[in-house]
Amino acid sequence: VSWPPLDLMVKPTPNVTATNDTVIVCSDATSTLNLASCITGGNISWYGHGNNGTGNTITDNVTQNSSSVFDTIVYNAYAELNGCTGDTSTFIIITEPMPIADFSVSPNPVFIQDQVIFDDQIQTPGVISVWQWDNDGVIISTDTAANFIYFEPGDYPVCLAVATQNGCVDTICKNVTVLPLEIILPNVISP
């Protein structure tokens, strides 16, 4: 028995890819996923995080994370072409909570010509990669701690700016009170 030849028309099925399958953003930052159909002409549809739409770009303006752990937002996308629907692809947006910069000042107040030690007290689940200590407008250190000696009495603002490895930034400023070494007594004594 001989079978007649069978001609089949194969319609390719498009799938969706993204520049990055996982994107990490800071809390309150807008996140963008750029999508593409692996076959030219595929129409992309996406959904997730209470949103849905069509097109090559997912923009999420609501990435607020006030917790102390990283948050995961899931988006799904698929493409259609020639009546065929591709597999659903999953894309992840990880939202990092903002770091909370803080530092101790010891001693405060301080006398002129005594050393003041500034030590970070940062709270964050992320990894801090940048420290910048600013003393009255001058960067004094990029280490986790700093020290400084003042030679004039007064109140001096000291600021610590920190950034995580994902670029989430926080800054805090505190005043350091510097006292003179000499105490001037009044020349009038009353009973």
N, C-alpha and C. Protein backbone atom coordinates (compact mmCIF):
# COMPACT_ATOMS: atom_id res chain seq x y z
N VAL A 1 0.85 -1.17 0.00
CA VAL A 1 0.00 0.00 0.00
C VAL A 1 0.89 1.23 0.00
N SER A 2 0.58 2.12 -0.83
CA SER A 2 1.34 3.36 -0.95
C SER A 2 0.47 4.52 -0.46
N TRP A 3 1.03 5.29 0.40
CA TRP A 3 0.31 6.44 0.93
C TRP A 3 0.64 7.68 0.11
N PRO A 4 -0.36 8.49 -0.15
CA PRO A 4 -0.08 9.71 -0.90
C PRO A 4 0.70 10.70 -0.04
N PRO A 5 1.55 11.52 -0.66
CA PRO A 5 2.28 12.50 0.12
C PRO A 5 1.32 13.48 0.80
N LEU A 6 1.71 13.89 1.96
CA LEU A 6 0.89 14.80 2.75
C LEU A 6 1.66 16.11 2.94
N ASP A 7 1.06 17.19 2.53
CA ASP A 7 1.69 18.50 2.71
C ASP A 7 1.09 19.17 3.95
N LEU A 8 1.96 19.59 4.83
CA LEU A 8 1.53 20.29 6.05
C LEU A 8 2.05 21.71 6.01
N MET A 9 1.19 22.62 6.42
CA MET A 9 1.64 24.01 6.56
C MET A 9 1.96 24.22 8.04
N VAL A 10 3.20 24.51 8.31
CA VAL A 10 3.65 24.72 9.68
C VAL A 10 3.62 26.22 9.97
N LYS A 11 2.87 26.57 11.01
CA LYS A 11 2.83 27.96 11.45
C LYS A 11 3.72 28.06 12.68
N PRO A 12 4.73 28.92 12.62
CA PRO A 12 5.60 29.05 13.80
C PRO A 12 4.84 29.70 14.96
N THR A 13 5.17 29.28 16.16
CA THR A 13 4.55 29.83 17.37
C THR A 13 5.55 30.78 18.03
N PRO A 14 5.14 32.03 18.25
CA PRO A 14 6.07 32.98 18.86
C PRO A 14 6.13 32.84 20.38
N ASN A 15 7.27 33.09 20.92
CA ASN A 15 7.43 33.18 22.36
C ASN A 15 7.94 34.57 22.70
N VAL A 16 7.82 34.94 23.97
CA VAL A 16 8.21 36.28 24.41
C VAL A 16 9.52 36.18 25.19
N THR A 17 10.43 37.09 24.89
CA THR A 17 11.68 37.21 25.64
C THR A 17 11.76 38.64 26.18
N ALA A 18 12.65 38.84 27.13
CA ALA A 18 12.88 40.18 27.69
C ALA A 18 14.37 40.43 27.75
N THR A 19 14.74 41.70 27.77
CA THR A 19 16.15 42.06 27.91
C THR A 19 16.72 41.39 29.15
N ASN A 20 15.98 41.44 30.24
CA ASN A 20 16.33 40.74 31.48
C ASN A 20 15.08 40.04 32.00
N ASP A 21 15.20 38.77 32.35
CA ASP A 21 14.06 38.05 32.92
C ASP A 21 13.74 38.54 34.32
N THR A 22 14.75 39.08 35.01
CA THR A 22 14.57 39.59 36.36
C THR A 22 15.16 40.99 36.43
N VAL A 23 14.37 41.92 36.99
CA VAL A 23 14.81 43.30 37.15
C VAL A 23 14.73 43.63 38.63
N ILE A 24 15.76 44.28 39.16
CA ILE A 24 15.77 44.71 40.56
C ILE A 24 15.66 46.23 40.59
N VAL A 25 14.68 46.74 41.34
CA VAL A 25 14.48 48.19 41.46
C VAL A 25 14.37 48.56 42.93
N CYS A 26 14.58 49.83 43.21
CA CYS A 26 14.40 50.35 44.56
C CYS A 26 12.92 50.65 44.80
N SER A 27 12.52 50.61 46.05
CA SER A 27 11.15 50.93 46.40
C SER A 27 10.78 52.30 45.85
N ASP A 28 9.57 52.42 45.34
CA ASP A 28 9.03 53.65 44.77
C ASP A 28 9.63 54.03 43.42
N ALA A 29 10.49 53.19 42.86
CA ALA A 29 11.05 53.49 41.54
C ALA A 29 10.16 52.87 40.47
N THR A 30 10.09 53.50 39.32
CA THR A 30 9.37 52.94 38.19
C THR A 30 10.22 51.84 37.58
N SER A 31 9.59 50.70 37.32
CA SER A 31 10.33 49.59 36.70
C SER A 31 9.81 49.38 35.29
N THR A 32 10.71 48.98 34.40
CA THR A 32 10.35 48.76 33.01
C THR A 32 10.90 47.42 32.55
N LEU A 33 10.04 46.63 31.94
CA LEU A 33 10.45 45.39 31.29
C LEU A 33 10.26 45.59 29.79
N ASN A 34 11.32 45.41 29.02
CA ASN A 34 11.26 45.51 27.56
C ASN A 34 11.12 44.11 26.99
N LEU A 35 10.02 43.86 26.29
CA LEU A 35 9.70 42.53 25.77
C LEU A 35 9.90 42.49 24.27
N ALA A 36 10.06 41.27 23.75
CA ALA A 36 10.17 41.08 22.30
C ALA A 36 9.61 39.71 21.95
N SER A 37 8.99 39.63 20.79
CA SER A 37 8.53 38.35 20.26
C SER A 37 9.71 37.73 19.52
N CYS A 38 9.92 36.43 19.73
CA CYS A 38 11.05 35.79 19.06
C CYS A 38 10.82 35.66 17.55
N ILE A 39 9.59 35.85 17.10
CA ILE A 39 9.28 35.85 15.67
C ILE A 39 8.71 37.22 15.34
N THR A 40 9.25 37.85 14.33
CA THR A 40 8.81 39.19 13.94
C THR A 40 7.31 39.18 13.65
N GLY A 41 6.62 40.16 14.17
CA GLY A 41 5.19 40.30 13.92
C GLY A 41 4.31 39.72 15.01
N GLY A 42 4.91 39.06 16.01
CA GLY A 42 4.11 38.51 17.11
C GLY A 42 3.51 39.62 17.94
N ASN A 43 2.25 39.50 18.29
CA ASN A 43 1.57 40.49 19.13
C ASN A 43 1.65 40.05 20.58
N ILE A 44 2.26 40.88 21.40
CA ILE A 44 2.52 40.53 22.80
C ILE A 44 1.40 41.03 23.69
N SER A 45 0.94 40.16 24.58
CA SER A 45 0.00 40.52 25.64
C SER A 45 0.65 40.17 26.97
N TRP A 46 0.40 40.99 27.99
CA TRP A 46 1.03 40.74 29.29
C TRP A 46 0.03 41.04 30.41
N TYR A 47 0.30 40.48 31.59
CA TYR A 47 -0.54 40.70 32.75
C TYR A 47 0.26 40.41 34.02
N GLY A 48 -0.17 41.05 35.11
CA GLY A 48 0.46 40.84 36.41
C GLY A 48 0.41 42.08 37.26
N HIS A 49 0.52 41.92 38.57
CA HIS A 49 0.55 43.00 39.55
C HIS A 49 -0.65 43.94 39.39
N GLY A 50 -1.80 43.36 39.04
CA GLY A 50 -3.01 44.15 38.87
C GLY A 50 -3.07 44.93 37.57
N ASN A 51 -2.16 44.68 36.67
CA ASN A 51 -2.10 45.38 35.38
C ASN A 51 -2.22 44.38 34.25
N ASN A 52 -2.61 44.86 33.08
CA ASN A 52 -2.54 44.05 31.87
C ASN A 52 -2.47 44.99 30.68
N GLY A 53 -1.99 44.45 29.58
CA GLY A 53 -1.88 45.29 28.39
C GLY A 53 -1.26 44.53 27.24
N THR A 54 -1.00 45.27 26.19
CA THR A 54 -0.35 44.72 25.01
C THR A 54 0.83 45.61 24.66
N GLY A 55 1.76 45.05 23.93
CA GLY A 55 2.91 45.84 23.48
C GLY A 55 4.21 45.32 24.04
N ASN A 56 5.28 46.00 23.67
CA ASN A 56 6.63 45.54 23.98
C ASN A 56 7.18 46.06 25.30
N THR A 57 6.41 46.87 26.02
CA THR A 57 6.94 47.46 27.25
C THR A 57 5.94 47.33 28.39
N ILE A 58 6.43 46.85 29.52
CA ILE A 58 5.65 46.84 30.75
C ILE A 58 6.27 47.89 31.66
N THR A 59 5.49 48.88 32.08
CA THR A 59 5.97 49.89 33.00
C THR A 59 5.13 49.80 34.27
N ASP A 60 5.80 49.61 35.40
CA ASP A 60 5.10 49.49 36.68
C ASP A 60 5.52 50.66 37.56
N ASN A 61 4.55 51.53 37.87
CA ASN A 61 4.82 52.71 38.70
C ASN A 61 4.56 52.47 40.17
N VAL A 62 4.07 51.28 40.53
CA VAL A 62 3.68 51.01 41.91
C VAL A 62 4.56 49.91 42.47
N THR A 63 5.82 50.23 42.71
CA THR A 63 6.77 49.24 43.24
C THR A 63 7.13 49.59 44.68
N GLN A 64 6.19 50.08 45.45
CA GLN A 64 6.44 50.51 46.82
C GLN A 64 6.69 49.30 47.71
N ASN A 65 7.78 49.34 48.46
CA ASN A 65 8.10 48.25 49.38
C ASN A 65 8.56 48.86 50.70
N SER A 66 7.69 48.86 51.69
CA SER A 66 8.04 49.43 53.00
C SER A 66 8.39 48.34 54.01
N SER A 67 8.53 47.11 53.54
CA SER A 67 8.88 46.03 54.46
C SER A 67 10.39 45.99 54.67
N SER A 68 10.86 44.98 55.36
CA SER A 68 12.30 44.84 55.60
C SER A 68 12.89 43.70 54.77
N VAL A 69 12.13 43.21 53.79
CA VAL A 69 12.63 42.14 52.91
C VAL A 69 12.35 42.52 51.46
N PHE A 70 13.07 41.87 50.56
CA PHE A 70 12.85 42.09 49.14
C PHE A 70 11.46 41.58 48.77
N ASP A 71 10.78 42.28 47.87
CA ASP A 71 9.44 41.90 47.42
C ASP A 71 9.54 41.45 45.96
N THR A 72 8.72 40.45 45.59
CA THR A 72 8.75 39.93 44.23
C THR A 72 7.42 40.22 43.54
N ILE A 73 7.50 40.82 42.37
CA ILE A 73 6.34 41.10 41.53
C ILE A 73 6.48 40.23 40.28
N VAL A 74 5.41 39.51 39.93
CA VAL A 74 5.46 38.59 38.79
C VAL A 74 4.60 39.13 37.65
N TYR A 75 5.18 39.14 36.46
CA TYR A 75 4.44 39.45 35.24
C TYR A 75 4.54 38.26 34.31
N ASN A 76 3.46 38.02 33.55
CA ASN A 76 3.43 36.97 32.55
C ASN A 76 3.14 37.59 31.20
N ALA A 77 3.71 37.01 30.15
CA ALA A 77 3.49 37.53 28.81
C ALA A 77 3.46 36.38 27.81
N TYR A 78 2.70 36.58 26.75
CA TYR A 78 2.64 35.60 25.67
C TYR A 78 2.47 36.36 24.36
N ALA A 79 2.78 35.70 23.26
CA ALA A 79 2.66 36.32 21.94
C ALA A 79 1.75 35.48 21.05
N GLU A 80 1.05 36.15 20.13
CA GLU A 80 0.18 35.49 19.17
C GLU A 80 0.61 35.90 17.76
N LEU A 81 0.53 34.93 16.82
CA LEU A 81 0.86 35.19 15.43
C LEU A 81 0.19 34.12 14.58
N ASN A 82 -0.48 34.52 13.54
CA ASN A 82 -1.14 33.59 12.61
C ASN A 82 -2.10 32.64 13.31
N GLY A 83 -2.79 33.14 14.34
CA GLY A 83 -3.75 32.31 15.05
C GLY A 83 -3.12 31.34 16.04
N CYS A 84 -1.81 31.41 16.21
CA CYS A 84 -1.12 30.53 17.16
C CYS A 84 -0.65 31.36 18.36
N THR A 85 -0.83 30.79 19.54
CA THR A 85 -0.41 31.45 20.78
C THR A 85 0.78 30.71 21.36
N GLY A 86 1.83 31.44 21.66
CA GLY A 86 3.03 30.84 22.24
C GLY A 86 2.86 30.56 23.72
N ASP A 87 3.86 29.92 24.27
CA ASP A 87 3.87 29.64 25.71
C ASP A 87 3.93 30.94 26.50
N THR A 88 3.43 30.88 27.71
CA THR A 88 3.49 32.04 28.60
C THR A 88 4.87 32.10 29.25
N SER A 89 5.48 33.26 29.18
CA SER A 89 6.77 33.49 29.81
C SER A 89 6.57 34.31 31.07
N THR A 90 7.40 34.05 32.08
CA THR A 90 7.30 34.75 33.36
C THR A 90 8.49 35.66 33.54
N PHE A 91 8.22 36.88 34.01
CA PHE A 91 9.26 37.87 34.25
C PHE A 91 9.08 38.40 35.67
N ILE A 92 10.18 38.68 36.33
CA ILE A 92 10.18 39.04 37.75
C ILE A 92 10.73 40.45 37.94
N ILE A 93 10.03 41.22 38.77
CA ILE A 93 10.55 42.51 39.26
C ILE A 93 10.75 42.34 40.75
N ILE A 94 11.98 42.52 41.21
CA ILE A 94 12.29 42.43 42.64
C ILE A 94 12.44 43.86 43.16
N THR A 95 11.65 44.17 44.19
CA THR A 95 11.68 45.51 44.76
C THR A 95 12.46 45.48 46.07
N GLU A 96 13.54 46.25 46.10
CA GLU A 96 14.38 46.33 47.30
C GLU A 96 13.88 47.45 48.19
N PRO A 97 13.70 47.18 49.49
CA PRO A 97 13.33 48.28 50.40
C PRO A 97 14.46 49.31 50.46
N MET A 98 14.10 50.54 50.71
CA MET A 98 15.11 51.58 50.81
C MET A 98 15.94 51.36 52.08
N PRO A 99 17.25 51.62 51.99
CA PRO A 99 18.06 51.53 53.21
C PRO A 99 17.67 52.65 54.16
N ILE A 100 17.92 52.43 55.43
CA ILE A 100 17.67 53.46 56.43
C ILE A 100 19.03 53.85 57.00
N ALA A 101 19.54 54.98 56.55
CA ALA A 101 20.84 55.45 57.01
C ALA A 101 20.73 55.98 58.43
N ASP A 102 21.73 55.68 59.22
CA ASP A 102 21.81 56.22 60.57
C ASP A 102 23.26 56.08 61.02
N PHE A 103 23.65 56.89 61.98
CA PHE A 103 25.01 56.78 62.52
C PHE A 103 25.06 57.33 63.93
N SER A 104 26.07 56.86 64.66
CA SER A 104 26.30 57.37 66.01
C SER A 104 27.43 58.39 65.96
N VAL A 105 27.39 59.32 66.90
CA VAL A 105 28.42 60.36 67.04
C VAL A 105 28.96 60.26 68.45
N SER A 106 30.28 60.07 68.58
CA SER A 106 30.84 59.90 69.92
C SER A 106 32.19 60.61 70.01
N PRO A 107 32.33 61.52 70.94
CA PRO A 107 31.33 62.11 71.82
C PRO A 107 30.60 63.24 71.11
N ASN A 108 29.51 63.65 71.66
CA ASN A 108 28.77 64.80 71.16
C ASN A 108 27.98 65.38 72.33
N PRO A 109 28.32 66.57 72.82
CA PRO A 109 29.27 67.52 72.26
C PRO A 109 30.73 67.09 72.49
N VAL A 110 31.62 67.79 71.79
CA VAL A 110 33.05 67.49 71.85
C VAL A 110 33.81 68.80 72.02
N PHE A 111 34.97 68.71 72.65
CA PHE A 111 35.84 69.89 72.77
C PHE A 111 36.71 69.99 71.53
N ILE A 112 37.12 71.22 71.18
CA ILE A 112 38.00 71.39 70.03
C ILE A 112 39.27 70.57 70.26
N GLN A 113 39.84 70.10 69.18
CA GLN A 113 41.06 69.30 69.14
C GLN A 113 40.89 67.88 69.69
N ASP A 114 39.66 67.47 70.00
CA ASP A 114 39.39 66.07 70.36
C ASP A 114 38.77 65.37 69.15
N GLN A 115 39.07 64.12 69.04
CA GLN A 115 38.57 63.34 67.91
C GLN A 115 37.11 62.93 68.12
N VAL A 116 36.32 63.07 67.05
CA VAL A 116 34.92 62.62 67.05
C VAL A 116 34.86 61.39 66.13
N ILE A 117 34.17 60.36 66.60
CA ILE A 117 34.04 59.13 65.81
C ILE A 117 32.60 59.01 65.33
N PHE A 118 32.44 58.80 64.01
CA PHE A 118 31.14 58.59 63.39
C PHE A 118 31.10 57.13 62.95
N ASP A 119 30.08 56.41 63.39
CA ASP A 119 29.99 54.98 63.07
C ASP A 119 28.60 54.68 62.50
N ASP A 120 28.56 54.01 61.35
CA ASP A 120 27.26 53.75 60.72
C ASP A 120 26.42 52.79 61.54
N GLN A 121 25.11 52.98 61.48
CA GLN A 121 24.12 52.15 62.16
C GLN A 121 23.02 51.83 61.15
N ILE A 122 23.42 51.49 59.94
CA ILE A 122 22.50 51.32 58.82
C ILE A 122 21.63 50.09 59.00
N GLN A 123 20.36 50.22 58.61
CA GLN A 123 19.43 49.10 58.63
C GLN A 123 18.92 48.87 57.22
N THR A 124 19.23 47.71 56.65
CA THR A 124 18.76 47.39 55.32
C THR A 124 18.96 45.91 55.05
N PRO A 125 18.04 45.30 54.30
CA PRO A 125 18.27 43.91 53.91
C PRO A 125 19.23 43.83 52.72
N GLY A 126 19.43 44.94 52.02
CA GLY A 126 20.33 44.96 50.88
C GLY A 126 21.78 45.08 51.33
N VAL A 127 22.67 45.01 50.37
CA VAL A 127 24.10 45.12 50.64
C VAL A 127 24.55 46.55 50.35
N ILE A 128 25.08 47.23 51.37
CA ILE A 128 25.58 48.59 51.18
C ILE A 128 26.92 48.52 50.46
N SER A 129 27.03 49.29 49.38
CA SER A 129 28.28 49.29 48.62
C SER A 129 28.96 50.66 48.61
N VAL A 130 28.24 51.71 49.04
CA VAL A 130 28.81 53.06 49.03
C VAL A 130 28.47 53.75 50.35
N TRP A 131 29.50 54.32 50.99
CA TRP A 131 29.34 55.18 52.15
C TRP A 131 30.00 56.51 51.79
N GLN A 132 29.35 57.60 52.11
CA GLN A 132 29.98 58.90 51.90
C GLN A 132 29.66 59.79 53.08
N TRP A 133 30.72 60.13 53.83
CA TRP A 133 30.60 61.01 54.99
C TRP A 133 30.93 62.43 54.57
N ASP A 134 30.05 63.35 54.87
CA ASP A 134 30.21 64.75 54.50
C ASP A 134 30.20 65.58 55.78
N ASN A 135 31.25 66.34 55.99
CA ASN A 135 31.37 67.20 57.17
C ASN A 135 31.33 68.65 56.73
N ASP A 136 30.20 69.32 56.96
CA ASP A 136 30.03 70.73 56.63
C ASP A 136 30.38 70.99 55.16
N GLY A 137 29.94 70.09 54.26
CA GLY A 137 30.13 70.27 52.82
C GLY A 137 31.40 69.67 52.26
N VAL A 138 32.22 69.03 53.09
CA VAL A 138 33.47 68.43 52.63
C VAL A 138 33.42 66.91 52.88
N ILE A 139 33.71 66.12 51.85
CA ILE A 139 33.73 64.66 52.03
C ILE A 139 34.95 64.30 52.86
N ILE A 140 34.70 63.59 53.98
CA ILE A 140 35.80 63.25 54.88
C ILE A 140 36.14 61.76 54.84
N SER A 141 35.23 60.93 54.31
CA SER A 141 35.52 59.50 54.27
C SER A 141 34.53 58.78 53.37
N THR A 142 34.96 57.64 52.84
CA THR A 142 34.08 56.75 52.09
C THR A 142 34.13 55.35 52.71
N ASP A 143 34.51 55.28 53.97
CA ASP A 143 34.54 54.02 54.71
C ASP A 143 33.26 53.87 55.53
N THR A 144 33.12 52.72 56.19
CA THR A 144 31.93 52.48 57.01
C THR A 144 31.91 53.36 58.26
N ALA A 145 33.05 53.86 58.65
CA ALA A 145 33.14 54.75 59.81
C ALA A 145 34.07 55.91 59.44
N ALA A 146 33.96 56.99 60.19
CA ALA A 146 34.81 58.15 59.94
C ALA A 146 35.18 58.79 61.26
N ASN A 147 36.24 59.59 61.24
CA ASN A 147 36.58 60.37 62.43
C ASN A 147 37.07 61.73 61.96
N PHE A 148 36.97 62.70 62.86
CA PHE A 148 37.33 64.06 62.49
C PHE A 148 37.70 64.82 63.75
N ILE A 149 38.59 65.81 63.59
CA ILE A 149 38.99 66.69 64.69
C ILE A 149 38.61 68.12 64.30
N TYR A 150 37.92 68.80 65.19
CA TYR A 150 37.48 70.17 64.95
C TYR A 150 38.42 71.13 65.68
N PHE A 151 38.69 72.27 65.04
CA PHE A 151 39.61 73.24 65.62
C PHE A 151 38.93 74.57 65.96
N GLU A 152 37.66 74.67 65.64
CA GLU A 152 36.89 75.88 65.95
C GLU A 152 35.58 75.47 66.62
N PRO A 153 35.16 76.18 67.66
CA PRO A 153 33.87 75.86 68.27
C PRO A 153 32.72 76.20 67.32
N GLY A 154 31.61 75.51 67.51
CA GLY A 154 30.42 75.77 66.68
C GLY A 154 29.59 74.50 66.51
N ASP A 155 28.56 74.61 65.72
CA ASP A 155 27.73 73.47 65.37
C ASP A 155 28.02 73.12 63.92
N TYR A 156 28.34 71.85 63.67
CA TYR A 156 28.73 71.40 62.34
C TYR A 156 27.79 70.28 61.87
N PRO A 157 27.22 70.42 60.66
CA PRO A 157 26.39 69.34 60.12
C PRO A 157 27.27 68.23 59.54
N VAL A 158 26.96 67.01 59.92
CA VAL A 158 27.65 65.84 59.37
C VAL A 158 26.57 64.97 58.72
N CYS A 159 26.82 64.57 57.47
CA CYS A 159 25.84 63.76 56.75
C CYS A 159 26.46 62.45 56.29
N LEU A 160 25.66 61.41 56.31
CA LEU A 160 26.06 60.11 55.79
C LEU A 160 25.09 59.75 54.67
N ALA A 161 25.63 59.51 53.48
CA ALA A 161 24.84 59.02 52.35
C ALA A 161 25.30 57.59 52.08
N VAL A 162 24.33 56.68 51.95
CA VAL A 162 24.65 55.29 51.66
C VAL A 162 23.88 54.85 50.42
N ALA A 163 24.44 53.88 49.70
CA ALA A 163 23.78 53.31 48.54
C ALA A 163 23.98 51.80 48.55
N THR A 164 22.93 51.07 48.20
CA THR A 164 23.04 49.62 48.09
C THR A 164 23.65 49.27 46.74
N GLN A 165 23.99 48.01 46.58
CA GLN A 165 24.57 47.57 45.32
C GLN A 165 23.59 47.71 44.15
N ASN A 166 22.28 47.86 44.45
CA ASN A 166 21.28 48.07 43.41
C ASN A 166 20.96 49.54 43.20
N GLY A 167 21.67 50.44 43.90
CA GLY A 167 21.50 51.87 43.70
C GLY A 167 20.44 52.53 44.56
N CYS A 168 19.95 51.87 45.59
CA CYS A 168 18.98 52.49 46.50
C CYS A 168 19.75 53.37 47.49
N VAL A 169 19.32 54.62 47.65
CA VAL A 169 20.09 55.61 48.39
C VAL A 169 19.28 56.20 49.54
N ASP A 170 19.96 56.47 50.66
CA ASP A 170 19.36 57.22 51.75
C ASP A 170 20.45 58.10 52.37
N THR A 171 20.04 59.23 52.92
CA THR A 171 20.96 60.18 53.54
C THR A 171 20.38 60.64 54.87
N ILE A 172 21.25 60.82 55.85
CA ILE A 172 20.85 61.38 57.14
C ILE A 172 21.92 62.37 57.57
N CYS A 173 21.50 63.44 58.23
CA CYS A 173 22.42 64.46 58.74
C CYS A 173 22.17 64.67 60.23
N LYS A 174 23.26 64.91 60.95
CA LYS A 174 23.19 65.23 62.38
C LYS A 174 24.16 66.37 62.66
N ASN A 175 23.88 67.12 63.72
CA ASN A 175 24.78 68.21 64.10
C ASN A 175 25.74 67.75 65.18
N VAL A 176 26.99 68.22 65.07
CA VAL A 176 28.01 67.99 66.09
C VAL A 176 28.28 69.34 66.74
N THR A 177 28.18 69.38 68.05
CA THR A 177 28.45 70.61 68.79
C THR A 177 29.88 70.57 69.29
N VAL A 178 30.68 71.58 68.89
CA VAL A 178 32.09 71.66 69.28
C VAL A 178 32.24 72.81 70.28
N LEU A 179 32.76 72.47 71.47
CA LEU A 179 32.90 73.44 72.55
C LEU A 179 34.34 73.95 72.63
N PRO A 180 34.54 75.18 73.10
CA PRO A 180 35.91 75.69 73.28
C PRO A 180 36.58 75.01 74.47
N LEU A 181 37.91 75.03 74.48
CA LEU A 181 38.65 74.42 75.58
C LEU A 181 38.64 75.30 76.83
N GLU A 182 38.58 76.60 76.65
CA GLU A 182 38.63 77.48 77.81
C GLU A 182 37.22 77.89 78.22
N ILE A 183 37.07 78.06 79.49
CA ILE A 183 35.80 78.53 80.02
C ILE A 183 36.04 79.93 80.55
N ILE A 184 35.27 80.87 80.07
CA ILE A 184 35.42 82.27 80.49
C ILE A 184 34.41 82.53 81.61
N LEU A 185 34.97 82.88 82.75
CA LEU A 185 34.11 83.20 83.89
C LEU A 185 33.78 84.67 83.87
N PRO A 186 32.61 85.02 84.29
CA PRO A 186 32.28 86.45 84.34
C PRO A 186 33.14 87.17 85.38
N ASN A 187 33.49 88.44 85.14
CA ASN A 187 34.34 89.16 86.08
C ASN A 187 33.53 89.85 87.19
N VAL A 188 32.25 89.61 87.22
CA VAL A 188 31.42 90.16 88.27
C VAL A 188 30.84 89.01 89.06
N ILE A 189 31.01 89.10 90.37
CA ILE A 189 30.46 88.06 91.24
C ILE A 189 29.44 88.74 92.14
N SER A 190 28.27 88.18 92.18
CA SER A 190 27.25 88.75 93.05
C SER A 190 26.98 87.76 94.18
N PRO A 191 26.57 88.29 95.30
CA PRO A 191 26.34 87.39 96.46
C PRO A 191 25.17 86.46 96.24
